[in-house]
Amino acid sequence: MLLVIGVYVIAGNLVNGVTSGSRGLAKGAVPAAYKSLVQKWGNLCPQLTPALLAAQLYQESGWNPKIVSPANAQGIAQFIPGTWAIYGIDGNGDGKRDVWDPNDAIPSAASYDCQLAKDVKDVPGNVSDNMLAAYNAGAYRVIKAGGVPGISETQNYVQRINSLAKSFAAPVSRIDPTQQAAGAIAFAQGKLGTPYLWGGEGSAEQGGRFDCSGLTQAAYAKVGISLPRVANDQYNAGPHPTRDQLLPGDLVFFSTDPGDSRAIHHVGIYVGGGYMIDAPRTGAVIRFDPIDTPDYFGATRVTEDGAKALPTAV
């Protein structure tokens, strides 16, 4: 096949690829078990959106309702016991507040965010940014600083959640392409015909072989973007174009559950015309494959900010 890679320039009034103010969720970005909770409680106050709430939950726990951090932060929303004692609510109305129950913890996270927004409502600057800063550093520091305080951890947290939220928001306009896409495709093209290896990352010890997400990770590493190792985490590395908006370089994903990105089992790099380059399975080689299969899940337009925002372990 002859592949011609173009350079795309798209004009539009977009902020980092997604129009601000979107209150919908991208397809499958939030696991089906939690989607209605995130959608409902993410609209609890104007400073919060479902995408921001989803980004916080993913950053904190990777949707794991039983996780405990080294600091004893607990559950899907990672509440410290002292904070939970004050701000935990009975979200499902069963008469108890259970930090391990997402039906309580997710509403509590939203309620806590909105309380912080009230605490810093008179502080100059972006109200959502101030809310996120208060979540990380405390409302007093935000008030004292007159905005996001000059604490690197807090500034990075605000930027990270805002960037990550773009992978959970349903885009309301066309998404800008990235300049790195052509280089990622060129790398993958250079691996056509290479035998598949489960767990392969292309090392010399592995004979330069890859599995599906090892290939996509290496392709974007070649152009300076660090992706997570597994496919279902790579899905959150940027906003999600629809099938008719796909451009070469987009990552395309396949899942055993059409409503849950955590069930993604395969990824490839879109090259146009309904085809991708992928490392399909043991016994096959890296090759061109059609993307329109029954388990096609969706796509991600990888961005540098989106990839940087991903937690190191989810």
Protein backbone atom coordinates (compact mmCIF):
# COMPACT_ATOMS: atom_id res chain seq x y z
CA MET A 1 0.00 0.00 0.00
CA LEU A 2 1.15 3.52 -0.75
CA LEU A 3 0.72 5.84 2.17
CA VAL A 4 0.83 9.57 1.65
CA ILE A 5 1.12 11.64 4.81
CA GLY A 6 -0.03 15.24 4.65
CA VAL A 7 0.31 18.15 7.00
CA TYR A 8 -3.05 19.32 8.30
CA VAL A 9 -3.84 22.81 9.50
CA ILE A 10 -7.33 23.30 10.92
CA ALA A 11 -8.62 26.64 12.07
CA GLY A 12 -11.14 26.91 14.86
CA ASN A 13 -11.95 28.58 18.10
CA LEU A 14 -10.68 25.72 20.24
CA VAL A 15 -8.76 25.71 23.49
CA ASN A 16 -6.13 22.94 23.31
CA GLY A 17 -8.39 20.94 21.01
CA VAL A 18 -11.69 21.01 22.90
CA THR A 19 -14.14 23.84 23.23
CA SER A 20 -14.39 24.95 26.83
CA GLY A 21 -17.64 24.48 28.71
CA SER A 22 -18.55 21.04 27.41
CA ARG A 23 -20.58 19.17 30.01
CA GLY A 24 -20.89 15.85 28.20
CA LEU A 25 -18.66 12.80 28.50
CA ALA A 26 -16.74 11.10 25.69
CA LYS A 27 -17.91 7.68 24.67
CA GLY A 28 -16.73 4.99 27.06
CA ALA A 29 -14.15 7.22 28.76
CA VAL A 30 -15.83 6.65 32.12
CA PRO A 31 -16.56 3.01 33.00
CA ALA A 32 -20.24 2.23 32.50
CA ALA A 33 -20.70 1.45 36.21
CA TYR A 34 -19.81 5.05 37.10
CA LYS A 35 -20.90 7.07 34.08
CA SER A 36 -24.32 8.12 35.36
CA LEU A 37 -22.85 9.11 38.72
CA VAL A 38 -20.12 11.21 37.13
CA GLN A 39 -22.57 12.81 34.70
CA LYS A 40 -25.06 13.68 37.44
CA TRP A 41 -22.68 14.85 40.16
CA GLY A 42 -20.27 16.52 37.75
CA ASN A 43 -23.01 19.10 37.18
CA LEU A 44 -23.45 19.84 40.89
CA CYS A 45 -22.06 23.37 40.60
CA PRO A 46 -21.02 25.66 37.73
CA GLN A 47 -17.31 25.38 38.56
CA LEU A 48 -17.34 21.61 38.07
CA THR A 49 -17.98 19.56 34.93
CA PRO A 50 -18.40 15.81 34.49
CA ALA A 51 -15.09 15.75 32.62
CA LEU A 52 -13.23 17.53 35.44
CA LEU A 53 -14.72 15.16 38.01
CA ALA A 54 -13.80 12.17 35.84
CA ALA A 55 -10.24 13.45 35.45
CA GLN A 56 -9.86 13.77 39.21
CA LEU A 57 -11.19 10.27 39.88
CA TYR A 58 -8.99 8.74 37.19
CA GLN A 59 -5.95 10.64 38.44
CA GLU A 60 -6.61 9.64 42.03
CA SER A 61 -7.50 5.95 41.67
CA GLY A 62 -7.72 4.80 38.07
CA TRP A 63 -11.38 3.93 38.87
CA ASN A 64 -10.32 1.41 41.52
CA PRO A 65 -12.84 1.62 44.42
CA LYS A 66 -10.69 -0.48 46.78
CA ILE A 67 -7.32 1.24 46.42
CA VAL A 68 -5.43 2.59 49.44
CA SER A 69 -2.52 5.00 49.01
CA PRO A 70 0.67 5.02 51.13
CA ALA A 71 -0.83 8.08 52.87
CA ASN A 72 -3.99 6.06 53.69
CA ALA A 73 -6.14 7.85 51.13
CA GLN A 74 -9.02 5.49 50.50
CA GLY A 75 -11.35 4.43 47.72
CA ILE A 76 -12.15 5.63 44.24
CA ALA A 77 -11.95 9.30 45.29
CA GLN A 78 -8.94 8.83 47.60
CA PHE A 79 -10.29 10.54 50.70
CA ILE A 80 -8.05 10.83 53.74
CA PRO A 81 -10.11 9.54 56.72
CA GLY A 82 -10.15 12.97 58.43
CA THR A 83 -11.41 14.68 55.26
CA TRP A 84 -14.01 11.95 54.72
CA ALA A 85 -15.29 12.42 58.27
CA ILE A 86 -16.11 16.06 57.46
CA TYR A 87 -17.04 15.98 53.77
CA GLY A 88 -18.26 12.43 53.07
CA ILE A 89 -21.97 12.30 52.20
CA ASP A 90 -24.57 9.58 51.83
CA GLY A 91 -24.83 9.80 48.07
CA ASN A 92 -27.20 6.88 47.51
CA GLY A 93 -29.48 7.53 50.48
CA ASP A 94 -28.99 4.15 52.16
CA GLY A 95 -28.39 5.71 55.56
CA LYS A 96 -24.61 5.36 55.71
CA ARG A 97 -21.51 7.07 54.36
CA ASP A 98 -19.13 4.48 52.94
CA VAL A 99 -15.79 5.68 51.51
CA TRP A 100 -15.42 2.33 49.72
CA ASP A 101 -18.76 2.65 47.92
CA PRO A 102 -18.50 4.70 44.69
CA ASN A 103 -22.19 5.59 45.12
CA ASP A 104 -21.11 7.62 48.15
CA ALA A 105 -17.51 8.47 47.27
CA ILE A 106 -18.16 9.99 43.82
CA PRO A 107 -20.96 12.29 45.07
CA SER A 108 -18.73 13.20 48.01
CA ALA A 109 -15.87 14.16 45.69
CA ALA A 110 -18.20 16.43 43.72
CA SER A 111 -19.67 17.91 46.90
CA TYR A 112 -16.19 18.59 48.26
CA ASP A 113 -15.13 20.27 45.02
CA CYS A 114 -18.19 22.52 45.09
CA GLN A 115 -17.64 23.41 48.73
CA LEU A 116 -14.09 24.44 47.88
CA ALA A 117 -15.46 26.50 44.98
CA LYS A 118 -17.65 28.37 47.47
CA ASP A 119 -14.70 28.88 49.79
CA VAL A 120 -12.66 30.59 47.06
CA LYS A 121 -15.50 32.25 45.14
CA ASP A 122 -14.20 35.76 45.79
CA VAL A 123 -10.63 34.98 44.70
CA PRO A 124 -9.60 36.58 41.37
CA GLY A 125 -8.91 34.37 38.35
CA ASN A 126 -10.47 31.27 36.83
CA VAL A 127 -12.96 29.86 39.31
CA SER A 128 -12.46 26.22 38.30
CA ASP A 129 -8.69 26.57 38.49
CA ASN A 130 -8.99 28.07 41.96
CA MET A 131 -11.25 25.20 43.00
CA LEU A 132 -8.73 22.63 41.79
CA ALA A 133 -5.91 24.51 43.50
CA ALA A 134 -7.88 24.51 46.74
CA TYR A 135 -8.42 20.76 46.38
CA ASN A 136 -4.65 20.29 46.21
CA ALA A 137 -3.29 22.98 48.51
CA GLY A 138 -6.25 24.05 50.63
CA ALA A 139 -8.60 26.99 50.31
CA TYR A 140 -6.57 29.16 52.72
CA ARG A 141 -3.49 29.11 50.47
CA VAL A 142 -5.58 30.01 47.40
CA ILE A 143 -7.21 32.91 49.25
CA LYS A 144 -3.87 34.12 50.63
CA ALA A 145 -2.22 33.94 47.20
CA GLY A 146 -5.14 35.60 45.41
CA GLY A 147 -5.36 32.70 42.97
CA VAL A 148 -3.47 29.53 42.21
CA PRO A 149 -0.54 29.68 44.63
CA GLY A 150 3.05 29.56 43.41
CA ILE A 151 3.53 25.98 44.54
CA SER A 152 4.84 23.76 41.75
CA GLU A 153 2.87 20.73 42.92
CA THR A 154 -0.38 22.73 42.94
CA GLN A 155 0.28 24.43 39.61
CA ASN A 156 1.10 21.08 38.03
CA TYR A 157 -2.04 19.54 39.54
CA VAL A 158 -4.29 22.23 38.06
CA GLN A 159 -2.66 21.91 34.64
CA ARG A 160 -2.74 18.11 34.76
CA ILE A 161 -6.43 17.86 35.65
CA ASN A 162 -7.41 20.44 33.02
CA SER A 163 -5.42 18.58 30.35
CA LEU A 164 -6.69 15.18 31.43
CA ALA A 165 -10.28 16.43 31.44
CA LYS A 166 -10.05 16.86 27.66
CA SER A 167 -9.86 13.08 27.29
CA PHE A 168 -13.11 12.68 29.22
CA ALA A 169 -15.09 15.50 27.60
CA ALA A 170 -17.23 14.93 24.53
CA PRO A 171 -15.75 17.31 21.92
CA VAL A 172 -18.25 19.87 20.68
CA SER A 173 -16.22 20.91 17.64
CA ARG A 174 -13.51 19.55 15.39
CA ILE A 175 -10.27 18.62 17.16
CA ASP A 176 -6.94 20.02 16.06
CA PRO A 177 -4.44 17.53 14.61
CA THR A 178 -0.99 17.18 16.12
CA GLN A 179 2.28 17.83 14.36
CA GLN A 180 3.76 14.60 15.71
CA ALA A 181 1.28 12.32 13.93
CA ALA A 182 3.27 11.96 10.70
CA GLY A 183 6.42 10.96 12.58
CA ALA A 184 4.54 8.34 14.57
CA ILE A 185 3.13 6.84 11.37
CA ALA A 186 6.56 6.85 9.72
CA PHE A 187 7.97 4.89 12.64
CA ALA A 188 5.18 2.32 12.48
CA GLN A 189 5.56 1.99 8.71
CA GLY A 190 9.20 1.16 9.22
CA LYS A 191 8.16 -1.82 11.36
CA LEU A 192 5.81 -3.40 8.80
CA GLY A 193 6.47 -7.12 8.50
CA THR A 194 8.03 -7.42 11.98
CA PRO A 195 6.73 -10.49 13.87
CA TYR A 196 4.45 -9.85 16.84
CA LEU A 197 5.68 -10.50 20.37
CA TRP A 198 3.44 -10.44 23.44
CA GLY A 199 4.94 -7.86 25.80
CA GLY A 200 7.27 -6.66 23.06
CA GLU A 201 8.64 -3.12 23.33
CA GLY A 202 11.09 -3.32 20.45
CA SER A 203 14.24 -3.91 22.49
CA ALA A 204 17.31 -5.61 21.05
CA GLU A 205 16.76 -8.52 23.44
CA GLN A 206 13.28 -8.93 21.95
CA GLY A 207 14.54 -8.82 18.39
CA GLY A 208 12.93 -5.45 17.77
CA ARG A 209 9.46 -6.97 18.08
CA PHE A 210 6.32 -5.39 19.53
CA ASP A 211 2.85 -6.08 20.77
CA CYS A 212 0.05 -3.65 19.91
CA SER A 213 0.51 -1.06 22.64
CA GLY A 214 4.28 -1.48 22.61
CA LEU A 215 4.24 -0.38 18.96
CA THR A 216 2.05 2.67 19.57
CA GLN A 217 4.10 3.63 22.61
CA ALA A 218 7.35 3.41 20.65
CA ALA A 219 5.90 5.29 17.67
CA TYR A 220 4.94 8.28 19.77
CA ALA A 221 8.13 8.08 21.85
CA LYS A 222 9.98 8.60 18.56
CA VAL A 223 8.33 12.03 18.28
CA GLY A 224 8.82 12.95 21.93
CA ILE A 225 5.51 11.91 23.48
CA SER A 226 5.57 9.41 26.33
CA LEU A 227 2.52 7.15 26.42
CA PRO A 228 1.58 4.62 29.08
CA ARG A 229 2.43 1.01 28.35
CA VAL A 230 -1.05 -0.49 28.07
CA ALA A 231 -3.76 0.31 25.54
CA ASN A 232 -6.58 1.19 27.91
CA ASP A 233 -4.45 3.92 29.50
CA GLN A 234 -3.29 5.22 26.12
CA TYR A 235 -6.97 5.97 25.39
CA ASN A 236 -6.76 8.91 27.82
CA ALA A 237 -3.83 10.64 26.08
CA GLY A 238 -5.99 13.23 24.34
CA PRO A 239 -9.47 14.08 23.04
CA HIS A 240 -11.56 11.64 21.03
CA PRO A 241 -12.51 12.29 17.40
CA THR A 242 -15.54 10.51 15.99
CA ARG A 243 -15.19 7.90 13.27
CA ASP A 244 -15.81 10.45 10.50
CA GLN A 245 -13.27 12.87 12.00
CA LEU A 246 -10.31 10.45 12.03
CA LEU A 247 -6.97 11.71 10.77
CA PRO A 248 -3.73 9.79 10.15
CA GLY A 249 -1.86 9.37 13.41
CA ASP A 250 -4.93 8.95 15.61
CA LEU A 251 -4.83 5.91 17.85
CA VAL A 252 -7.76 3.57 17.26
CA PHE A 253 -9.00 1.22 19.96
CA PHE A 254 -10.94 -2.02 20.23
CA SER A 255 -12.78 -3.23 23.31
CA THR A 256 -14.69 -6.23 24.60
CA ASP A 257 -17.14 -3.78 26.22
CA PRO A 258 -18.48 -0.94 24.04
CA GLY A 259 -19.17 1.19 27.11
CA ASP A 260 -15.89 0.86 29.00
CA SER A 261 -12.43 2.02 27.99
CA ARG A 262 -10.94 -0.14 30.74
CA ALA A 263 -11.95 -3.19 28.64
CA ILE A 264 -9.86 -2.09 25.63
CA HIS A 265 -7.79 -5.00 24.36
CA HIS A 266 -6.16 -3.67 21.17
CA VAL A 267 -4.80 -0.47 19.65
CA GLY A 268 -3.42 0.59 16.27
CA ILE A 269 -2.34 3.77 14.45
CA TYR A 270 -4.80 5.08 11.90
CA VAL A 271 -3.34 5.77 8.45
CA GLY A 272 -6.44 6.76 6.48
CA GLY A 273 -8.93 5.05 4.21
CA GLY A 274 -10.33 2.93 7.03
CA TYR A 275 -6.98 1.22 7.76
CA MET A 276 -4.49 1.18 10.61
CA ILE A 277 -1.00 -0.15 11.21
CA ASP A 278 -1.06 -2.58 14.10
CA ALA A 279 0.66 -5.54 15.74
CA PRO A 280 -2.32 -7.90 15.79
CA ARG A 281 -1.49 -11.14 17.60
CA THR A 282 0.95 -13.98 18.12
CA GLY A 283 1.81 -15.60 14.79
CA ALA A 284 1.11 -12.43 12.80
CA VAL A 285 3.31 -9.53 11.72
CA ILE A 286 2.91 -5.77 11.98
CA ARG A 287 0.65 -4.93 9.06
CA PHE A 288 -2.24 -2.86 7.70
CA ASP A 289 -5.66 -3.90 9.03
CA PRO A 290 -9.17 -2.45 8.60
CA ILE A 291 -10.55 -0.65 11.63
CA ASP A 292 -14.25 -1.21 10.98
CA THR A 293 -14.74 -4.37 13.02
CA PRO A 294 -17.47 -5.22 15.56
CA ASP A 295 -15.20 -4.41 18.52
CA TYR A 296 -14.12 -0.97 17.26
CA PHE A 297 -14.37 1.28 20.30
CA GLY A 298 -13.13 4.74 19.40
CA ALA A 299 -10.08 6.89 18.81
CA THR A 300 -7.72 9.30 20.54
CA ARG A 301 -5.87 12.23 19.02
CA VAL A 302 -2.69 12.05 21.08
CA THR A 303 -1.48 15.36 22.45
CA GLU A 304 1.70 16.12 24.35
CA ASP A 305 -0.21 17.78 27.19
CA GLY A 306 -2.70 14.92 27.33
CA ALA A 307 0.05 12.33 27.60
CA LYS A 308 1.90 14.30 30.27
CA ALA A 309 -1.29 14.53 32.33
CA LEU A 310 -1.72 10.77 32.63
CA PRO A 311 -0.97 9.31 36.06
CA THR A 312 2.07 7.08 36.19
CA ALA A 313 0.07 4.24 37.72
CA VAL A 314 -3.67 3.70 37.41
